[in-house]
Every structure is written in C-alpha cells, then in structure tokens.
Amino acid sequence: MQQLWKKIPIYSVVFVGCVFWAVVACALTEDEKNNIELYQKLAPGVVNITSTALEQDFFFNVVPRQGAGSGSIIDVRGYILTNHHVIEDARKLEVTLANGKKYSAKLIGSDPDTDVAVIKIEARREDLALIPMGSSDNLKVGQKVIAIGNPFGLGQTLTTGVISMVGRTLRASSGTLVEDMIQTDASINPGNSGGPLIDSSGKMIGINTAIFSPTGASVGIGFAIPIDVARRVVNELIDKGYYSYPWLGAILLTLSPNLAEALKLPVRAGAMVIEANPRSPAAKAGLKGGTSRAQVGNYIVPVGGDIIVNVDGEAVSDADSVIRRIRKSRPGDRVEMELVHWEGGRSKVTVVLGEQARSGRNR
C-alpha cells in the first residue's frame, strides 16, 4: 500500500484536492456564499463589550455586576458604536476584539433617547476592521439581513433573517419613543445588543437593540435602531459627549374629533397648546397655553390655548406629529406654524427652536 502511494504523483493529489473543494464550493447556494463572504469580511469589526457596574446586594453591600453586549468599530481612531443600555451606569468598560485582544474602553458619549452610545479604545490601526455604514432609508419588508454579535457571551456569532417590518415604535430606557425601528426575525439574544444589523451588500443598516420575548430568548421578533438615526447623533456624541435636542417649550394635547365636538371648536384635528413655558421659544413666538379648565366626560381638560393645525406646510393630525417634526429639527431651526386661536381667527407664526437643557455632559 505504501509503495502504491509513492507511485501517485504529487500533482495528482493536489489536483484531486482542488476538484474536491471546487465541488464543495459549487454545492453552496449563492445565499450561503454571500453569508460566508459577509461574515469573513465583517466579523473582525464586531467587538464584545463587557461592562462592570456597582450595585447593592441583599445585605446592602456594594458589589460589582457585569453585563455583556456587542459593538461595531466605525473609525480607525478606535470609536465603537453600541447601545446606551449596554454601557449605562458602567464604572468599567472592556472591549474584546475578534482576534482576542482586550482593551480598556472610555465612554465618549451616549444618548438615552435614541439608545445610541459611542465608546473608544486605544488600539493599533491594523487591529481595527471597520463596519461600513449604509442607509436605513427605503428598506423593504422581506429584505435579507444578518446580525453579528456575542449572544450569551458566545463571540462572533452570525444569524440570518429578513426585515419583518419597518416603522415600528419602541420605548427607549429613558422612556422616550424611538420611531422607525426595524423589526427582524434574525435571531437576536442577550449579548447581541449594540451589534450591527447588516444588509446583503455588507453595509450596517441598524443597531440591534431589543427583542420581544416571553422567555428572554429569541422568538423571532427583534428590533434594531435605524442607522440613519444613529448617524444623526454619532458625530455630536464624539464632539460633545451628548446630542443637542431642539426645544419648543410647550405641552401639547391631541385634539380628537370627539374632543373638538364637545368643546365646539371650528377644527376637528390638531395639537392643543396646554402650556407654554414663559421663557420658551413657543412663548416668544406668541403661542398661548390654556387659561381655564373644562370637564369633558370624566376628564378635566385645560382650554383657552392655541391649536396647532399646520407645521411647515403639513397638516397636524395629533400632538405626536408636532413632536416628531420638532425632534427632526436642530436647535436654531425656524419652524412655521399655523394656529387656530381659541377666541377665534387664525395666524401664522415662526418659532426659532432653542436647545433642550441637559443635566450634564456624559464624559
């Protein structure tokens, strides 16, 4: 047998080996090839984040508590994009790269309202593989996506799926509603948070952030923050440590048709100005809040204020539509509003948005 083996030319063995792997490669579907290519290209840019926070135990002793999440390297300077809730309250952050190297990380900035955060490590450029950002605009239900992350601490895991729905609304840890969320059936589990949701071209279109599950494990309903939302805040997080939100300074209430009929108002939809802060942009532009109260059914409603019926040429259907329009603006932007006055008549005003006050910097 050994003599027979010696008589087989080495190039024949190489040829047979090449044919074998060619057959294996041909046996893969185009979708499988795409998955493999994306994983090999992008997995080095996905990191594992370990956060250490302090908490009190049953005996009121302060003890460390560790959590885990994922992140995407987005800059050769060592900036990593992740979720706010992954690093929230952390006293210590450690990042593990795909090559196994570990680094202490510094919190650069975070925004609880969008659940986006940026941290930074000091690493050699050759150790940093970047995850390219795409766009979350015009995503289609049924579009293929993959998620790479560290579910349950199991590093560099890939799962695949499709976009199940777009335009979902999810409440962030701050209590603020995050709109236009991406829903996917790609398996997302604890530890995936902060990792990238990637399209078939290899671009990050979202940040995996939450699941809906009665068990705590994936049941095929996961959510990702649209990358366009992250783009809006990430540069300010790097530059300032926080994101500057516009400030209108008014409390609004949706004017429903039933409420309008009960109050005998000349319009059937809009946003009632309940209160305008005296020093706010709203008050400076002339918006007036309620001056008295009226009982409608079982509710007491502040009345007498202006009703916003149009913002920048678009009809207002409820208070949320005004809030959404304001949140997409920047401090200093001018917003045109059409008002219906309680005492009668209409007017148009220009509001110059202010900057929402913050309790302090993140860094």
Protein backbone atom coordinates (compact mmCIF):
# COMPACT_ATOMS: atom_id res chain seq x y z
CA MET A 1 0.00 0.00 0.00
CA GLN A 2 2.84 2.35 0.87
CA GLN A 3 4.53 1.52 -2.44
CA LEU A 4 1.31 2.30 -4.33
CA TRP A 5 1.00 5.64 -2.55
CA LYS A 6 4.58 6.54 -3.50
CA LYS A 7 3.79 5.91 -7.18
CA ILE A 8 0.94 8.53 -7.20
CA PRO A 9 2.39 11.83 -8.49
CA ILE A 10 2.04 14.71 -6.04
CA TYR A 11 0.37 16.91 -8.65
CA SER A 12 -2.39 14.30 -8.92
CA VAL A 13 -3.07 14.60 -5.21
CA VAL A 14 -3.18 18.39 -5.49
CA PHE A 15 -5.50 18.15 -8.49
CA VAL A 16 -7.90 15.84 -6.66
CA GLY A 17 -7.90 18.16 -3.64
CA CYS A 18 -8.69 21.18 -5.80
CA VAL A 19 -11.50 19.31 -7.51
CA PHE A 20 -12.94 18.31 -4.10
CA TRP A 21 -13.04 21.88 -2.79
CA ALA A 22 -14.37 23.13 -6.09
CA VAL A 23 -17.24 20.66 -5.80
CA VAL A 24 -17.87 21.79 -2.20
CA ALA A 25 -17.85 25.44 -3.29
CA CYS A 26 -20.21 24.72 -6.17
CA ALA A 27 -22.56 22.95 -3.76
CA LEU A 28 -23.08 26.19 -1.82
CA THR A 29 -26.02 28.35 -2.80
CA GLU A 30 -25.49 31.97 -3.75
CA ASP A 31 -27.13 32.99 -0.48
CA GLU A 32 -24.74 30.80 1.51
CA LYS A 33 -21.77 32.22 -0.34
CA ASN A 34 -23.00 35.72 0.46
CA ASN A 35 -23.35 34.84 4.15
CA ILE A 36 -19.83 33.40 4.28
CA GLU A 37 -18.32 36.35 2.44
CA LEU A 38 -20.03 38.90 4.69
CA TYR A 39 -19.05 37.06 7.85
CA GLN A 40 -15.39 36.74 6.86
CA LYS A 41 -15.27 40.39 5.86
CA LEU A 42 -17.23 41.98 8.72
CA ALA A 43 -16.86 39.77 11.81
CA PRO A 44 -13.43 41.28 12.64
CA GLY A 45 -15.15 44.67 13.03
CA VAL A 46 -17.65 43.43 15.65
CA VAL A 47 -16.48 43.55 19.25
CA ASN A 48 -17.57 42.13 22.57
CA ILE A 49 -18.22 44.75 25.29
CA THR A 50 -18.09 43.86 28.97
CA SER A 51 -19.41 46.49 31.36
CA THR A 52 -18.93 46.49 35.11
CA ALA A 53 -21.35 48.43 37.30
CA LEU A 54 -21.77 48.63 41.06
CA GLU A 55 -24.97 47.62 42.86
CA GLN A 56 -26.15 46.77 46.35
CA ASP A 57 -26.84 43.18 47.31
CA PHE A 58 -29.42 41.88 49.76
CA PHE A 59 -27.19 42.84 52.69
CA PHE A 60 -26.60 46.38 51.30
CA ASN A 61 -23.04 45.55 50.32
CA VAL A 62 -21.78 47.25 47.15
CA VAL A 63 -20.78 44.52 44.70
CA PRO A 64 -19.73 44.59 41.03
CA ARG A 65 -22.18 43.45 38.39
CA GLN A 66 -21.09 42.55 34.88
CA GLY A 67 -23.05 42.82 31.67
CA ALA A 68 -22.19 41.99 28.08
CA GLY A 69 -23.05 43.43 24.71
CA SER A 70 -21.69 44.00 21.23
CA GLY A 71 -20.43 46.93 19.22
CA SER A 72 -19.21 47.96 15.76
CA ILE A 73 -15.88 49.62 15.03
CA ILE A 74 -16.72 52.66 12.91
CA ASP A 75 -13.47 54.66 12.85
CA VAL A 76 -9.75 53.91 12.66
CA ARG A 77 -9.27 56.13 15.71
CA GLY A 78 -10.92 53.39 17.77
CA TYR A 79 -14.50 54.66 18.01
CA ILE A 80 -17.08 51.93 18.60
CA LEU A 81 -20.84 52.29 18.10
CA THR A 82 -23.14 50.46 20.53
CA ASN A 83 -26.31 50.84 22.61
CA HIS A 84 -26.71 53.26 25.51
CA HIS A 85 -28.21 50.49 27.64
CA VAL A 86 -25.11 48.33 27.09
CA ILE A 87 -22.84 50.87 28.82
CA GLU A 88 -25.38 52.54 31.13
CA ASP A 89 -24.07 53.06 34.70
CA ALA A 90 -20.80 51.27 33.82
CA ARG A 91 -17.79 52.02 36.04
CA LYS A 92 -15.52 49.97 33.81
CA LEU A 93 -15.67 49.01 30.13
CA GLU A 94 -13.61 46.32 28.44
CA VAL A 95 -13.60 45.55 24.72
CA THR A 96 -12.51 42.25 23.22
CA LEU A 97 -11.65 42.26 19.51
CA ALA A 98 -12.26 39.35 17.18
CA ASN A 99 -8.53 38.50 17.38
CA GLY A 100 -8.85 38.05 21.15
CA LYS A 101 -7.05 41.23 22.17
CA LYS A 102 -8.62 43.07 25.11
CA TYR A 103 -8.66 46.84 25.70
CA SER A 104 -10.00 49.17 28.35
CA ALA A 105 -12.59 51.46 26.78
CA LYS A 106 -13.63 55.02 27.52
CA LEU A 107 -17.19 56.30 27.24
CA ILE A 108 -17.20 59.15 24.72
CA GLY A 109 -20.91 59.97 24.73
CA SER A 110 -24.36 58.46 24.86
CA ASP A 111 -27.94 59.42 24.11
CA PRO A 112 -30.63 57.60 26.13
CA ASP A 113 -33.42 58.91 23.89
CA THR A 114 -32.13 57.01 20.85
CA ASP A 115 -30.30 54.30 22.86
CA VAL A 116 -27.06 55.08 20.99
CA ALA A 117 -23.60 55.33 22.55
CA VAL A 118 -20.00 55.71 21.39
CA ILE A 119 -17.00 54.31 23.26
CA LYS A 120 -13.31 54.40 22.33
CA ILE A 121 -10.28 52.15 22.62
CA GLU A 122 -6.60 52.89 22.00
CA ALA A 123 -5.55 50.20 19.55
CA ARG A 124 -3.28 49.85 16.55
CA ARG A 125 -4.93 50.71 13.24
CA GLU A 126 -4.03 47.33 11.79
CA ASP A 127 -6.11 45.69 14.53
CA LEU A 128 -9.21 47.73 13.69
CA ALA A 129 -11.53 46.42 10.98
CA LEU A 130 -14.35 48.86 10.21
CA ILE A 131 -18.04 48.17 9.74
CA PRO A 132 -19.26 50.44 6.90
CA MET A 133 -22.49 52.36 7.46
CA GLY A 134 -25.25 52.12 4.89
CA SER A 135 -28.69 53.71 4.92
CA SER A 136 -31.93 52.68 6.60
CA ASP A 137 -33.99 54.70 4.14
CA ASN A 138 -36.26 52.75 1.78
CA LEU A 139 -35.80 49.40 3.48
CA LYS A 140 -38.20 46.73 2.23
CA VAL A 141 -40.06 44.03 4.15
CA GLY A 142 -38.56 40.72 3.10
CA GLN A 143 -35.10 42.15 2.53
CA LYS A 144 -32.31 39.85 3.74
CA VAL A 145 -30.33 40.88 6.83
CA ILE A 146 -27.66 39.31 9.02
CA ALA A 147 -26.75 40.00 12.63
CA ILE A 148 -23.25 39.52 14.03
CA GLY A 149 -22.68 39.71 17.76
CA ASN A 150 -22.00 37.97 21.03
CA PRO A 151 -25.25 36.34 22.22
CA PHE A 152 -24.88 34.95 25.75
CA GLY A 153 -21.17 35.78 25.51
CA LEU A 154 -20.64 33.41 22.57
CA GLY A 155 -18.44 35.62 20.40
CA GLN A 156 -18.61 36.23 16.67
CA THR A 157 -21.97 34.58 16.06
CA LEU A 158 -23.86 35.11 12.81
CA THR A 159 -27.62 34.79 12.40
CA THR A 160 -29.67 35.48 9.31
CA GLY A 161 -33.22 36.55 8.58
CA VAL A 162 -35.29 39.16 6.85
CA ILE A 163 -36.76 42.53 7.65
CA SER A 164 -40.16 41.65 9.10
CA MET A 165 -41.49 45.22 9.31
CA VAL A 166 -40.28 48.80 9.28
CA GLY A 167 -41.57 51.89 11.05
CA ARG A 168 -42.09 50.21 14.42
CA THR A 169 -42.10 52.33 17.58
CA LEU A 170 -40.22 51.17 20.67
CA ARG A 171 -39.74 52.84 24.04
CA ALA A 172 -36.11 53.50 24.99
CA SER A 173 -34.82 53.06 28.54
CA SER A 174 -35.25 56.82 29.05
CA GLY A 175 -38.98 56.45 28.36
CA THR A 176 -38.76 58.25 25.01
CA LEU A 177 -40.36 56.59 22.00
CA VAL A 178 -37.86 55.68 19.28
CA GLU A 179 -39.56 55.68 15.89
CA ASP A 180 -38.94 53.92 12.59
CA MET A 181 -37.43 50.87 14.31
CA ILE A 182 -36.54 47.88 12.14
CA GLN A 183 -38.19 44.59 13.06
CA THR A 184 -36.38 41.41 12.04
CA ASP A 185 -36.64 37.66 12.54
CA ALA A 186 -32.84 37.29 12.54
CA SER A 187 -32.11 35.70 15.90
CA ILE A 188 -31.15 38.35 18.49
CA ASN A 189 -30.42 37.33 22.05
CA PRO A 190 -28.94 38.92 25.20
CA GLY A 191 -25.41 39.97 24.25
CA ASN A 192 -26.38 40.88 20.68
CA SER A 193 -27.37 44.38 21.82
CA GLY A 194 -25.22 47.03 20.21
CA GLY A 195 -24.10 44.81 17.34
CA PRO A 196 -24.73 45.55 13.67
CA LEU A 197 -27.68 44.57 11.52
CA ILE A 198 -26.25 44.23 8.02
CA ASP A 199 -27.78 44.10 4.55
CA SER A 200 -26.69 41.77 1.74
CA SER A 201 -24.24 44.37 0.38
CA GLY A 202 -22.28 44.37 3.66
CA LYS A 203 -23.48 47.74 4.99
CA MET A 204 -24.74 48.34 8.53
CA ILE A 205 -28.40 49.41 8.36
CA GLY A 206 -29.22 49.16 12.05
CA ILE A 207 -28.03 48.58 15.61
CA ASN A 208 -29.55 45.50 17.23
CA THR A 209 -31.17 46.67 20.45
CA ALA A 210 -34.10 44.66 21.79
CA ILE A 211 -36.28 41.59 21.47
CA PHE A 212 -39.90 40.82 22.24
CA SER A 213 -39.95 37.53 24.12
CA PRO A 214 -41.90 35.97 27.00
CA THR A 215 -38.86 33.79 27.80
CA GLY A 216 -35.98 36.26 27.43
CA ALA A 217 -34.59 34.36 24.44
CA SER A 218 -35.21 34.96 20.76
CA VAL A 219 -38.62 34.03 19.38
CA GLY A 220 -38.06 35.71 16.04
CA ILE A 221 -39.12 39.25 16.98
CA GLY A 222 -36.10 41.52 17.25
CA PHE A 223 -35.65 45.25 16.81
CA ALA A 224 -32.83 47.42 15.53
CA ILE A 225 -32.26 51.17 15.67
CA PRO A 226 -32.12 52.53 12.09
CA ILE A 227 -28.60 53.54 11.15
CA ASP A 228 -29.91 56.90 9.89
CA VAL A 229 -30.99 57.67 13.48
CA ALA A 230 -27.51 56.75 14.74
CA ARG A 231 -25.87 58.88 12.03
CA ARG A 232 -27.87 61.86 13.27
CA VAL A 233 -26.37 61.70 16.76
CA VAL A 234 -22.99 59.97 16.48
CA ASN A 235 -20.89 62.96 15.37
CA GLU A 236 -22.18 65.11 18.23
CA LEU A 237 -21.55 62.29 20.69
CA ILE A 238 -17.93 62.22 19.54
CA ASP A 239 -17.55 66.00 19.50
CA LYS A 240 -19.51 66.98 22.63
CA GLY A 241 -20.35 63.82 24.54
CA TYR A 242 -24.09 64.39 24.14
CA TYR A 243 -26.68 65.16 21.46
CA SER A 244 -28.37 68.56 21.42
CA TYR A 245 -32.13 68.26 21.11
CA PRO A 246 -34.35 71.11 19.90
CA TRP A 247 -36.68 72.74 22.42
CA LEU A 248 -40.15 74.09 21.73
CA GLY A 249 -41.15 74.61 25.36
CA ALA A 250 -44.84 73.74 25.08
CA ILE A 251 -47.02 70.97 26.46
CA LEU A 252 -49.35 69.64 23.78
CA LEU A 253 -52.53 67.57 23.81
CA THR A 254 -54.05 65.80 20.82
CA LEU A 255 -57.30 67.33 19.65
CA SER A 256 -59.51 64.43 18.63
CA PRO A 257 -62.77 64.83 16.68
CA ASN A 258 -64.80 63.85 19.76
CA LEU A 259 -62.99 66.40 21.94
CA ALA A 260 -63.35 69.08 19.27
CA GLU A 261 -67.09 68.42 19.06
CA ALA A 262 -67.51 68.51 22.83
CA LEU A 263 -65.66 71.83 23.03
CA LYS A 264 -67.47 73.18 19.92
CA LEU A 265 -64.22 74.04 18.16
CA PRO A 266 -64.03 75.09 14.49
CA VAL A 267 -61.40 72.39 13.69
CA ARG A 268 -61.56 68.64 14.19
CA ALA A 269 -57.85 67.76 14.49
CA GLY A 270 -54.64 69.34 15.69
CA ALA A 271 -52.47 69.82 18.77
CA MET A 272 -53.82 71.90 21.63
CA VAL A 273 -51.27 74.04 23.46
CA ILE A 274 -51.89 73.22 27.11
CA GLU A 275 -48.99 75.23 28.50
CA ALA A 276 -46.19 77.37 27.06
CA ASN A 277 -43.14 77.99 29.21
CA PRO A 278 -42.91 81.81 29.61
CA ARG A 279 -39.24 81.84 28.51
CA SER A 280 -39.62 79.23 25.79
CA PRO A 281 -39.34 79.60 22.01
CA ALA A 282 -43.06 78.80 21.85
CA ALA A 283 -43.99 81.72 24.12
CA LYS A 284 -41.61 84.08 22.30
CA ALA A 285 -43.32 83.22 19.02
CA GLY A 286 -46.73 84.01 20.53
CA LEU A 287 -48.15 80.55 21.29
CA LYS A 288 -50.60 80.71 24.18
CA GLY A 289 -51.44 77.93 26.61
CA GLY A 290 -54.70 77.12 28.35
CA THR A 291 -56.33 79.74 30.56
CA SER A 292 -59.10 77.68 32.16
CA ARG A 293 -60.37 74.13 32.54
CA ALA A 294 -63.39 72.31 31.18
CA GLN A 295 -64.83 68.92 32.05
CA VAL A 296 -65.29 66.61 29.09
CA GLY A 297 -66.80 63.33 30.18
CA ASN A 298 -64.67 62.05 33.07
CA TYR A 299 -61.70 64.26 32.19
CA ILE A 300 -60.66 67.80 33.06
CA VAL A 301 -59.12 69.48 30.01
CA PRO A 302 -57.13 72.76 30.01
CA VAL A 303 -58.76 75.02 27.44
CA GLY A 304 -58.28 78.51 26.06
CA GLY A 305 -54.92 77.91 24.37
CA ASP A 306 -53.96 77.93 20.70
CA ILE A 307 -54.40 74.91 18.45
CA ILE A 308 -51.55 73.98 16.08
CA VAL A 309 -53.08 72.79 12.82
CA ASN A 310 -50.13 73.01 10.43
CA VAL A 311 -46.32 72.76 10.71
CA ASP A 312 -44.08 73.68 7.80
CA GLY A 313 -46.90 73.17 5.31
CA GLU A 314 -48.06 69.81 6.66
CA ALA A 315 -51.39 69.32 8.38
CA VAL A 316 -51.21 68.30 12.05
CA SER A 317 -53.28 65.26 12.99
CA ASP A 318 -52.19 64.96 16.63
CA ALA A 319 -49.67 66.15 19.20
CA ASP A 320 -47.20 63.39 18.32
CA SER A 321 -46.89 64.64 14.75
CA VAL A 322 -45.73 68.03 16.05
CA ILE A 323 -43.27 66.40 18.45
CA ARG A 324 -41.87 64.20 15.66
CA ARG A 325 -41.38 67.24 13.42
CA ILE A 326 -39.61 69.16 16.18
CA ARG A 327 -37.31 66.24 17.06
CA LYS A 328 -36.12 66.02 13.47
CA SER A 329 -35.03 69.67 13.61
CA ARG A 330 -31.97 71.20 15.19
CA PRO A 331 -31.61 73.98 17.79
CA GLY A 332 -31.79 77.29 15.95
CA ASP A 333 -34.02 75.99 13.15
CA ARG A 334 -37.05 78.05 12.18
CA VAL A 335 -40.38 76.24 12.16
CA GLU A 336 -43.51 77.72 10.57
CA MET A 337 -46.77 77.03 12.39
CA GLU A 338 -50.39 77.83 11.65
CA LEU A 339 -52.54 78.40 14.72
CA VAL A 340 -56.25 78.45 15.36
CA HIS A 341 -56.96 80.77 18.28
CA TRP A 342 -59.44 79.79 20.95
CA GLU A 343 -61.15 83.17 20.79
CA GLY A 344 -61.41 82.90 17.00
CA GLY A 345 -59.30 83.52 13.93
CA ARG A 346 -56.07 82.09 12.60
CA SER A 347 -52.47 83.23 12.36
CA LYS A 348 -49.08 82.00 11.21
CA VAL A 349 -46.02 82.25 13.43
CA THR A 350 -42.33 81.39 13.13
CA VAL A 351 -40.75 79.56 16.04
CA VAL A 352 -36.97 79.63 16.42
CA LEU A 353 -36.20 76.42 18.29
CA GLY A 354 -33.98 76.52 21.35
CA GLU A 355 -31.72 73.85 22.83
CA GLN A 356 -33.10 71.44 25.37
CA ALA A 357 -31.38 71.79 28.73
CA ARG A 358 -29.28 68.87 29.92
CA SER A 359 -28.20 67.93 33.42
CA GLY A 360 -24.60 67.49 32.36
CA ARG A 361 -22.11 66.00 29.94
CA ASN A 362 -21.66 62.27 29.53
CA ARG A 363 -17.92 62.42 29.81
